[in-house]
């Protein structure tokens, strides 16, 4: 396992070196690019570090709320780890949720490792409007970006195939350019080679595209009707995301009490 980085606001201590390097570099970059817009974390210690009663599963969730007027709701970093019979289960996440006063997509970066030979990559600039009803939004954030080229590049790898989430909600919320991919290898060494040589540069470029969209392409909304509509959509997305990602899986690993604490912190957003 890679050693933790003392300078990072969120650490990923259970990941291999290549995966740790990817997630830590992204967390550091988001802090560098967005840090002036964010508050220090107020996440309770029992949410920043928790484990199951038997010690088999550990986790951490850290949230940083956006400052007043920043157009950021919160930045989230998390990792969940469990030692299972088939190998480690690692779910590591970085997510930026924006304020309803700006129409830029949200950002999601997630690695899901099941055992030593399999890795699921989920990276998306999550749309906040109906892309059928708003073709200008589709063009501004998706058609004119290089996101589709990144997906096309990764699916050419022999270790890669498309990943179909079992959750219909996840599939509905994803953009048409989402990197929802599964990588299979003979072992963790080969998997880390794919992460270092192919996945990392593509994910870094996807985050660059998101940052450009947020800082340069996002439009500030002034109509209360538009803001209210976007807020309602965002709230529904967050509610369902919590239920799908945390409420359905965490109780099995950590128990209901710990799950409730984590969900309360995510809903609060700080």
C-alpha atoms as a PDB file:
ATOM      1  CA  UNK A   1       0.000   0.000   0.000  1.00  0.00           C
ATOM      2  CA  UNK A   2       1.123   3.547  -0.676  1.00  0.00           C
ATOM      3  CA  UNK A   3       1.988   5.771   2.296  1.00  0.00           C
ATOM      4  CA  UNK A   4      -0.487   8.563   3.051  1.00  0.00           C
ATOM      5  CA  UNK A   5       0.296  12.116   1.975  1.00  0.00           C
ATOM      6  CA  UNK A   6       0.331  14.467   4.955  1.00  0.00           C
ATOM      7  CA  UNK A   7      -0.323  17.493   2.725  1.00  0.00           C
ATOM      8  CA  UNK A   8      -3.615  16.194   1.339  1.00  0.00           C
ATOM      9  CA  UNK A   9      -7.036  17.103   2.738  1.00  0.00           C
ATOM     10  CA  UNK A  10      -8.156  13.518   2.020  1.00  0.00           C
ATOM     11  CA  UNK A  11      -5.919  10.438   1.993  1.00  0.00           C
ATOM     12  CA  UNK A  12      -6.388   7.056   0.335  1.00  0.00           C
ATOM     13  CA  UNK A  13      -4.276   4.717   2.496  1.00  0.00           C
ATOM     14  CA  UNK A  14      -5.717   1.397   1.288  1.00  0.00           C
ATOM     15  CA  UNK A  15      -4.941   1.849  -2.396  1.00  0.00           C
ATOM     16  CA  UNK A  16      -1.964   0.521  -4.310  1.00  0.00           C
ATOM     17  CA  UNK A  17       0.732   3.004  -5.302  1.00  0.00           C
ATOM     18  CA  UNK A  18      -0.616   3.799  -8.790  1.00  0.00           C
ATOM     19  CA  UNK A  19      -4.238   4.225  -7.670  1.00  0.00           C
ATOM     20  CA  UNK A  20      -3.181   6.238  -4.632  1.00  0.00           C
ATOM     21  CA  UNK A  21      -1.057   8.508  -6.806  1.00  0.00           C
ATOM     22  CA  UNK A  22      -3.979   9.141  -9.167  1.00  0.00           C
ATOM     23  CA  UNK A  23      -6.567   9.953  -6.490  1.00  0.00           C
ATOM     24  CA  UNK A  24      -4.154  11.950  -4.333  1.00  0.00           C
ATOM     25  CA  UNK A  25      -2.977  14.049  -7.269  1.00  0.00           C
ATOM     26  CA  UNK A  26      -6.597  14.792  -8.220  1.00  0.00           C
ATOM     27  CA  UNK A  27      -7.496  15.719  -4.636  1.00  0.00           C
ATOM     28  CA  UNK A  28      -4.444  17.976  -4.441  1.00  0.00           C
ATOM     29  CA  UNK A  29      -5.319  19.613  -7.759  1.00  0.00           C
ATOM     30  CA  UNK A  30      -8.915  20.281  -6.742  1.00  0.00           C
ATOM     31  CA  UNK A  31      -7.619  21.857  -3.549  1.00  0.00           C
ATOM     32  CA  UNK A  32      -5.147  23.973  -5.509  1.00  0.00           C
ATOM     33  CA  UNK A  33      -7.721  25.115  -8.077  1.00  0.00           C
ATOM     34  CA  UNK A  34     -10.746  25.473  -5.793  1.00  0.00           C
ATOM     35  CA  UNK A  35      -9.255  25.881  -2.318  1.00  0.00           C
ATOM     36  CA  UNK A  36      -9.816  29.645  -2.167  1.00  0.00           C
ATOM     37  CA  UNK A  37     -13.529  29.001  -2.765  1.00  0.00           C
ATOM     38  CA  UNK A  38     -13.860  26.379  -0.030  1.00  0.00           C
ATOM     39  CA  UNK A  39     -14.181  26.423   3.745  1.00  0.00           C
ATOM     40  CA  UNK A  40     -12.052  24.195   5.976  1.00  0.00           C
ATOM     41  CA  UNK A  41     -13.782  20.915   6.688  1.00  0.00           C
ATOM     42  CA  UNK A  42     -16.255  20.743   9.542  1.00  0.00           C
ATOM     43  CA  UNK A  43     -16.813  17.005   9.072  1.00  0.00           C
ATOM     44  CA  UNK A  44     -16.968  15.330  12.507  1.00  0.00           C
ATOM     45  CA  UNK A  45     -13.991  13.117  13.476  1.00  0.00           C
ATOM     46  CA  UNK A  46     -16.248  10.051  13.646  1.00  0.00           C
ATOM     47  CA  UNK A  47     -17.110  10.573   9.958  1.00  0.00           C
ATOM     48  CA  UNK A  48     -13.562  11.406   8.859  1.00  0.00           C
ATOM     49  CA  UNK A  49     -12.532   8.003  10.264  1.00  0.00           C
ATOM     50  CA  UNK A  50     -14.724   5.007  11.053  1.00  0.00           C
ATOM     51  CA  UNK A  51     -14.670   1.213  10.993  1.00  0.00           C
ATOM     52  CA  UNK A  52     -16.850  -1.824  11.545  1.00  0.00           C
ATOM     53  CA  UNK A  53     -17.003  -3.458  14.964  1.00  0.00           C
ATOM     54  CA  UNK A  54     -14.832  -6.359  13.811  1.00  0.00           C
ATOM     55  CA  UNK A  55     -12.304  -4.043  12.156  1.00  0.00           C
ATOM     56  CA  UNK A  56     -12.692  -5.723   8.767  1.00  0.00           C
ATOM     57  CA  UNK A  57     -14.050  -2.571   7.118  1.00  0.00           C
ATOM     58  CA  UNK A  58     -12.713   0.963   7.410  1.00  0.00           C
ATOM     59  CA  UNK A  59     -13.661   4.247   5.809  1.00  0.00           C
ATOM     60  CA  UNK A  60     -13.367   8.011   5.679  1.00  0.00           C
ATOM     61  CA  UNK A  61     -15.563  10.810   4.359  1.00  0.00           C
ATOM     62  CA  UNK A  62     -14.356  14.420   4.262  1.00  0.00           C
ATOM     63  CA  UNK A  63     -16.492  17.328   3.061  1.00  0.00           C
ATOM     64  CA  UNK A  64     -15.611  20.972   2.473  1.00  0.00           C
ATOM     65  CA  UNK A  65     -18.439  23.408   1.888  1.00  0.00           C
ATOM     66  CA  UNK A  66     -18.180  26.271  -0.566  1.00  0.00           C
ATOM     67  CA  UNK A  67     -17.755  29.813   0.695  1.00  0.00           C
ATOM     68  CA  UNK A  68     -20.588  32.286   0.295  1.00  0.00           C
ATOM     69  CA  UNK A  69     -20.825  33.297  -3.360  1.00  0.00           C
ATOM     70  CA  UNK A  70     -18.360  30.623  -4.530  1.00  0.00           C
ATOM     71  CA  UNK A  71     -20.914  28.766  -6.710  1.00  0.00           C
ATOM     72  CA  UNK A  72     -19.756  25.536  -5.006  1.00  0.00           C
ATOM     73  CA  UNK A  73     -22.038  23.597  -2.689  1.00  0.00           C
ATOM     74  CA  UNK A  74     -19.359  21.191  -1.451  1.00  0.00           C
ATOM     75  CA  UNK A  75     -16.326  19.106  -2.339  1.00  0.00           C
ATOM     76  CA  UNK A  76     -16.358  15.495  -1.110  1.00  0.00           C
ATOM     77  CA  UNK A  77     -13.563  12.978  -0.800  1.00  0.00           C
ATOM     78  CA  UNK A  78     -14.081   9.475   0.553  1.00  0.00           C
ATOM     79  CA  UNK A  79     -12.767   5.947   0.701  1.00  0.00           C
ATOM     80  CA  UNK A  80     -14.339   2.700   1.853  1.00  0.00           C
ATOM     81  CA  UNK A  81     -12.302  -0.476   2.323  1.00  0.00           C
ATOM     82  CA  UNK A  82     -13.198  -4.005   3.308  1.00  0.00           C
ATOM     83  CA  UNK A  83     -11.104  -7.177   3.405  1.00  0.00           C
ATOM     84  CA  UNK A  84     -13.247  -9.825   1.739  1.00  0.00           C
ATOM     85  CA  UNK A  85     -12.545 -13.497   0.857  1.00  0.00           C
ATOM     86  CA  UNK A  86     -11.943 -12.681  -2.839  1.00  0.00           C
ATOM     87  CA  UNK A  87      -9.606  -9.787  -1.984  1.00  0.00           C
ATOM     88  CA  UNK A  88      -9.955  -6.109  -1.106  1.00  0.00           C
ATOM     89  CA  UNK A  89     -12.996  -3.994  -1.813  1.00  0.00           C
ATOM     90  CA  UNK A  90     -11.975  -0.365  -2.291  1.00  0.00           C
ATOM     91  CA  UNK A  91     -14.342   2.427  -3.274  1.00  0.00           C
ATOM     92  CA  UNK A  92     -12.659   5.833  -3.567  1.00  0.00           C
ATOM     93  CA  UNK A  93     -14.536   8.951  -4.574  1.00  0.00           C
ATOM     94  CA  UNK A  94     -13.986  12.621  -5.358  1.00  0.00           C
ATOM     95  CA  UNK A  95     -17.079  14.672  -6.080  1.00  0.00           C
ATOM     96  CA  UNK A  96     -17.760  18.371  -6.547  1.00  0.00           C
ATOM     97  CA  UNK A  97     -21.358  19.503  -6.208  1.00  0.00           C
ATOM     98  CA  UNK A  98     -22.099  22.995  -7.494  1.00  0.00           C
ATOM     99  CA  UNK A  99     -24.544  25.636  -6.366  1.00  0.00           C
ATOM    100  CA  UNK A 100     -27.869  26.012  -8.239  1.00  0.00           C
ATOM    101  CA  UNK A 101     -26.891  29.568  -9.214  1.00  0.00           C
ATOM    102  CA  UNK A 102     -24.491  28.197 -11.859  1.00  0.00           C
ATOM    103  CA  UNK A 103     -25.395  25.680 -14.553  1.00  0.00           C
ATOM    104  CA  UNK A 104     -22.019  23.884 -14.938  1.00  0.00           C
ATOM    105  CA  UNK A 105     -22.025  20.083 -14.538  1.00  0.00           C
ATOM    106  CA  UNK A 106     -21.073  18.426 -11.266  1.00  0.00           C
ATOM    107  CA  UNK A 107     -17.871  16.358 -11.178  1.00  0.00           C
ATOM    108  CA  UNK A 108     -17.602  12.689 -10.202  1.00  0.00           C
ATOM    109  CA  UNK A 109     -14.423  10.591 -10.080  1.00  0.00           C
ATOM    110  CA  UNK A 110     -14.705   7.109  -8.589  1.00  0.00           C
ATOM    111  CA  UNK A 111     -12.588   3.966  -8.559  1.00  0.00           C
ATOM    112  CA  UNK A 112     -14.213   0.693  -7.501  1.00  0.00           C
ATOM    113  CA  UNK A 113     -11.761  -2.152  -6.936  1.00  0.00           C
ATOM    114  CA  UNK A 114     -13.107  -5.652  -6.342  1.00  0.00           C
ATOM    115  CA  UNK A 115     -10.228  -8.009  -5.721  1.00  0.00           C
ATOM    116  CA  UNK A 116      -6.790  -7.690  -7.297  1.00  0.00           C
ATOM    117  CA  UNK A 117      -7.798  -8.179 -10.938  1.00  0.00           C
ATOM    118  CA  UNK A 118     -10.755  -5.849 -11.480  1.00  0.00           C
ATOM    119  CA  UNK A 119     -11.269  -2.095 -11.460  1.00  0.00           C
ATOM    120  CA  UNK A 120     -14.320  -0.022 -12.371  1.00  0.00           C
ATOM    121  CA  UNK A 121     -13.758   3.585 -13.421  1.00  0.00           C
ATOM    122  CA  UNK A 122     -16.571   6.128 -13.142  1.00  0.00           C
ATOM    123  CA  UNK A 123     -15.739   9.655 -14.283  1.00  0.00           C
ATOM    124  CA  UNK A 124     -18.435  12.074 -15.342  1.00  0.00           C
ATOM    125  CA  UNK A 125     -19.220  15.731 -15.791  1.00  0.00           C
ATOM    126  CA  UNK A 126     -22.722  15.139 -14.532  1.00  0.00           C
ATOM    127  CA  UNK A 127     -25.364  17.078 -16.510  1.00  0.00           C
ATOM    128  CA  UNK A 128     -27.775  19.287 -14.619  1.00  0.00           C
ATOM    129  CA  UNK A 129     -30.226  19.857 -17.430  1.00  0.00           C
ATOM    130  CA  UNK A 130     -32.239  17.710 -19.815  1.00  0.00           C
ATOM    131  CA  UNK A 131     -29.863  17.368 -22.753  1.00  0.00           C
ATOM    132  CA  UNK A 132     -32.720  16.669 -25.169  1.00  0.00           C
ATOM    133  CA  UNK A 133     -34.535  19.837 -24.180  1.00  0.00           C
ATOM    134  CA  UNK A 134     -31.389  21.989 -24.070  1.00  0.00           C
ATOM    135  CA  UNK A 135     -29.173  21.230 -27.101  1.00  0.00           C
ATOM    136  CA  UNK A 136     -27.121  24.370 -26.434  1.00  0.00           C
ATOM    137  CA  UNK A 137     -26.115  22.936 -23.050  1.00  0.00           C
ATOM    138  CA  UNK A 138     -25.244  19.627 -24.728  1.00  0.00           C
ATOM    139  CA  UNK A 139     -23.021  21.407 -27.230  1.00  0.00           C
ATOM    140  CA  UNK A 140     -21.415  23.756 -24.679  1.00  0.00           C
ATOM    141  CA  UNK A 141     -20.302  21.100 -22.203  1.00  0.00           C
ATOM    142  CA  UNK A 142     -20.173  17.840 -24.167  1.00  0.00           C
ATOM    143  CA  UNK A 143     -20.052  18.106 -27.965  1.00  0.00           C
ATOM    144  CA  UNK A 144     -17.422  20.859 -27.953  1.00  0.00           C
ATOM    145  CA  UNK A 145     -15.210  19.099 -25.365  1.00  0.00           C
ATOM    146  CA  UNK A 146     -12.833  16.169 -25.842  1.00  0.00           C
ATOM    147  CA  UNK A 147     -14.650  13.938 -23.368  1.00  0.00           C
ATOM    148  CA  UNK A 148     -15.867  11.507 -26.019  1.00  0.00           C
ATOM    149  CA  UNK A 149     -12.311  11.151 -27.343  1.00  0.00           C
ATOM    150  CA  UNK A 150     -11.127  10.058 -23.892  1.00  0.00           C
ATOM    151  CA  UNK A 151     -13.725   7.302 -23.739  1.00  0.00           C
ATOM    152  CA  UNK A 152     -12.880   6.145 -27.272  1.00  0.00           C
ATOM    153  CA  UNK A 153      -9.197   5.981 -26.346  1.00  0.00           C
ATOM    154  CA  UNK A 154      -9.744   3.843 -23.246  1.00  0.00           C
ATOM    155  CA  UNK A 155     -12.165   1.350 -24.790  1.00  0.00           C
ATOM    156  CA  UNK A 156      -9.463   0.364 -27.287  1.00  0.00           C
ATOM    157  CA  UNK A 157      -7.400  -1.164 -24.475  1.00  0.00           C
ATOM    158  CA  UNK A 158      -7.555  -4.987 -24.360  1.00  0.00           C
ATOM    159  CA  UNK A 159      -8.200  -4.871 -20.607  1.00  0.00           C
ATOM    160  CA  UNK A 160     -11.215  -2.560 -20.981  1.00  0.00           C
ATOM    161  CA  UNK A 161     -14.924  -3.112 -21.512  1.00  0.00           C
ATOM    162  CA  UNK A 162     -18.005  -0.986 -20.940  1.00  0.00           C
ATOM    163  CA  UNK A 163     -19.380  -1.030 -17.415  1.00  0.00           C
ATOM    164  CA  UNK A 164     -23.147  -1.180 -16.957  1.00  0.00           C
ATOM    165  CA  UNK A 165     -24.169  -0.099 -13.473  1.00  0.00           C
ATOM    166  CA  UNK A 166     -26.844  -2.294 -11.867  1.00  0.00           C
ATOM    167  CA  UNK A 167     -28.487   0.937 -10.696  1.00  0.00           C
ATOM    168  CA  UNK A 168     -30.932   2.437 -13.190  1.00  0.00           C
ATOM    169  CA  UNK A 169     -30.629   5.764 -11.362  1.00  0.00           C
ATOM    170  CA  UNK A 170     -26.870   5.877 -11.948  1.00  0.00           C
ATOM    171  CA  UNK A 171     -27.382   5.114 -15.632  1.00  0.00           C
ATOM    172  CA  UNK A 172     -30.064   7.810 -15.980  1.00  0.00           C
ATOM    173  CA  UNK A 173     -27.908  10.459 -14.293  1.00  0.00           C
ATOM    174  CA  UNK A 174     -24.785   9.785 -16.390  1.00  0.00           C
ATOM    175  CA  UNK A 175     -23.881  12.000 -19.316  1.00  0.00           C
ATOM    176  CA  UNK A 176     -23.443  10.509 -22.822  1.00  0.00           C
ATOM    177  CA  UNK A 177     -19.671  11.066 -22.503  1.00  0.00           C
ATOM    178  CA  UNK A 178     -19.274   9.420 -19.084  1.00  0.00           C
ATOM    179  CA  UNK A 179     -16.299   7.138 -18.556  1.00  0.00           C
ATOM    180  CA  UNK A 180     -18.119   4.097 -17.164  1.00  0.00           C
ATOM    181  CA  UNK A 181     -15.562   1.385 -17.811  1.00  0.00           C
ATOM    182  CA  UNK A 182     -14.358  -1.884 -16.316  1.00  0.00           C
ATOM    183  CA  UNK A 183     -10.761  -3.074 -16.483  1.00  0.00           C
ATOM    184  CA  UNK A 184      -9.702  -6.686 -15.976  1.00  0.00           C
ATOM    185  CA  UNK A 185      -6.107  -7.890 -15.633  1.00  0.00           C
ATOM    186  CA  UNK A 186      -4.108 -10.939 -14.594  1.00  0.00           C
ATOM    187  CA  UNK A 187      -3.129  -9.283 -11.324  1.00  0.00           C
ATOM    188  CA  UNK A 188      -2.711  -5.972  -9.526  1.00  0.00           C
ATOM    189  CA  UNK A 189       0.678  -5.263 -11.096  1.00  0.00           C
ATOM    190  CA  UNK A 190      -0.822  -5.337 -14.605  1.00  0.00           C
ATOM    191  CA  UNK A 191      -3.846  -3.377 -13.405  1.00  0.00           C
ATOM    192  CA  UNK A 192      -1.611  -0.687 -11.920  1.00  0.00           C
ATOM    193  CA  UNK A 193       0.276  -0.491 -15.201  1.00  0.00           C
ATOM    194  CA  UNK A 194      -2.992   0.308 -16.976  1.00  0.00           C
ATOM    195  CA  UNK A 195      -3.834   2.888 -14.314  1.00  0.00           C
ATOM    196  CA  UNK A 196      -0.479   4.614 -14.621  1.00  0.00           C
ATOM    197  CA  UNK A 197      -0.089   4.533 -18.397  1.00  0.00           C
ATOM    198  CA  UNK A 198      -3.644   4.936 -19.684  1.00  0.00           C
ATOM    199  CA  UNK A 199      -6.272   5.712 -17.040  1.00  0.00           C
ATOM    200  CA  UNK A 200      -4.419   8.492 -15.204  1.00  0.00           C
ATOM    201  CA  UNK A 201      -3.826  10.794 -18.218  1.00  0.00           C
ATOM    202  CA  UNK A 202      -7.441  10.383 -19.379  1.00  0.00           C
ATOM    203  CA  UNK A 203      -8.890  11.107 -15.946  1.00  0.00           C
ATOM    204  CA  UNK A 204      -6.608  14.116 -15.504  1.00  0.00           C
ATOM    205  CA  UNK A 205      -7.796  15.471 -18.851  1.00  0.00           C
ATOM    206  CA  UNK A 206     -11.441  14.894 -17.892  1.00  0.00           C
ATOM    207  CA  UNK A 207     -10.906  16.891 -14.689  1.00  0.00           C
ATOM    208  CA  UNK A 208      -9.211  19.664 -16.719  1.00  0.00           C
ATOM    209  CA  UNK A 209     -12.261  19.792 -18.980  1.00  0.00           C
ATOM    210  CA  UNK A 210     -14.542  20.016 -15.950  1.00  0.00           C
ATOM    211  CA  UNK A 211     -12.469  22.817 -14.401  1.00  0.00           C
ATOM    212  CA  UNK A 212     -12.574  24.747 -17.676  1.00  0.00           C
ATOM    213  CA  UNK A 213     -16.328  24.267 -17.847  1.00  0.00           C
ATOM    214  CA  UNK A 214     -16.777  25.524 -14.290  1.00  0.00           C
ATOM    215  CA  UNK A 215     -14.505  28.556 -14.576  1.00  0.00           C
ATOM    216  CA  UNK A 216     -15.109  29.579 -18.201  1.00  0.00           C
ATOM    217  CA  UNK A 217     -18.325  28.072 -19.571  1.00  0.00           C
ATOM    218  CA  UNK A 218     -20.726  27.993 -16.642  1.00  0.00           C
ATOM    219  CA  UNK A 219     -23.462  30.600 -16.701  1.00  0.00           C
ATOM    220  CA  UNK A 220     -24.689  32.376 -13.620  1.00  0.00           C
ATOM    221  CA  UNK A 221     -28.445  32.034 -13.343  1.00  0.00           C
ATOM    222  CA  UNK A 222     -30.458  35.084 -12.341  1.00  0.00           C
ATOM    223  CA  UNK A 223     -34.000  33.830 -12.879  1.00  0.00           C
ATOM    224  CA  UNK A 224     -35.472  32.553  -9.620  1.00  0.00           C
ATOM    225  CA  UNK A 225     -37.506  30.028 -11.613  1.00  0.00           C
ATOM    226  CA  UNK A 226     -34.323  28.606 -13.203  1.00  0.00           C
ATOM    227  CA  UNK A 227     -32.484  28.527  -9.872  1.00  0.00           C
ATOM    228  CA  UNK A 228     -35.434  26.825  -8.175  1.00  0.00           C
ATOM    229  CA  UNK A 229     -35.663  24.225 -10.945  1.00  0.00           C
ATOM    230  CA  UNK A 230     -31.956  23.447 -10.785  1.00  0.00           C
ATOM    231  CA  UNK A 231     -32.037  23.273  -6.978  1.00  0.00           C
ATOM    232  CA  UNK A 232     -34.939  20.813  -7.088  1.00  0.00           C
ATOM    233  CA  UNK A 233     -33.077  18.613  -9.580  1.00  0.00           C
ATOM    234  CA  UNK A 234     -29.837  18.761  -7.574  1.00  0.00           C
ATOM    235  CA  UNK A 235     -31.632  17.902  -4.333  1.00  0.00           C
ATOM    236  CA  UNK A 236     -33.319  14.911  -5.953  1.00  0.00           C
ATOM    237  CA  UNK A 237     -29.997  13.741  -7.393  1.00  0.00           C
ATOM    238  CA  UNK A 238     -28.254  14.032  -4.006  1.00  0.00           C
ATOM    239  CA  UNK A 239     -31.075  12.233  -2.198  1.00  0.00           C
ATOM    240  CA  UNK A 240     -31.057   9.327  -4.629  1.00  0.00           C
ATOM    241  CA  UNK A 241     -27.249   9.209  -4.765  1.00  0.00           C
ATOM    242  CA  UNK A 242     -27.078   8.879  -0.991  1.00  0.00           C
ATOM    243  CA  UNK A 243     -29.681   6.124  -1.019  1.00  0.00           C
ATOM    244  CA  UNK A 244     -28.010   4.224  -3.873  1.00  0.00           C
ATOM    245  CA  UNK A 245     -24.335   4.691  -2.960  1.00  0.00           C
ATOM    246  CA  UNK A 246     -24.449   4.753   0.825  1.00  0.00           C
ATOM    247  CA  UNK A 247     -27.804   3.658   2.166  1.00  0.00           C
ATOM    248  CA  UNK A 248     -27.862   0.431   0.178  1.00  0.00           C
ATOM    249  CA  UNK A 249     -24.282  -0.726   0.784  1.00  0.00           C
ATOM    250  CA  UNK A 250     -22.780   0.810   3.916  1.00  0.00           C
ATOM    251  CA  UNK A 251     -25.027  -0.902   6.508  1.00  0.00           C
ATOM    252  CA  UNK A 252     -23.687  -4.327   5.447  1.00  0.00           C
ATOM    253  CA  UNK A 253     -20.113  -3.190   6.028  1.00  0.00           C
ATOM    254  CA  UNK A 254     -20.386  -0.726   8.920  1.00  0.00           C
ATOM    255  CA  UNK A 255     -23.807  -1.080  10.544  1.00  0.00           C
ATOM    256  CA  UNK A 256     -26.728   1.323  10.531  1.00  0.00           C
ATOM    257  CA  UNK A 257     -25.466   3.724  13.218  1.00  0.00           C
ATOM    258  CA  UNK A 258     -22.260   4.569  11.348  1.00  0.00           C
ATOM    259  CA  UNK A 259     -24.147   4.737   8.066  1.00  0.00           C
ATOM    260  CA  UNK A 260     -26.613   7.240   9.508  1.00  0.00           C
ATOM    261  CA  UNK A 261     -23.755   9.479  10.736  1.00  0.00           C
ATOM    262  CA  UNK A 262     -22.081   9.482   7.328  1.00  0.00           C
ATOM    263  CA  UNK A 263     -25.341  10.139   5.451  1.00  0.00           C
ATOM    264  CA  UNK A 264     -26.177  13.040   7.772  1.00  0.00           C
ATOM    265  CA  UNK A 265     -22.776  14.634   7.072  1.00  0.00           C
ATOM    266  CA  UNK A 266     -23.143  14.219   3.289  1.00  0.00           C
ATOM    267  CA  UNK A 267     -26.649  15.713   3.341  1.00  0.00           C
ATOM    268  CA  UNK A 268     -25.337  18.637   5.411  1.00  0.00           C
ATOM    269  CA  UNK A 269     -22.471  19.075   2.955  1.00  0.00           C
ATOM    270  CA  UNK A 270     -19.668  20.150   5.285  1.00  0.00           C
END
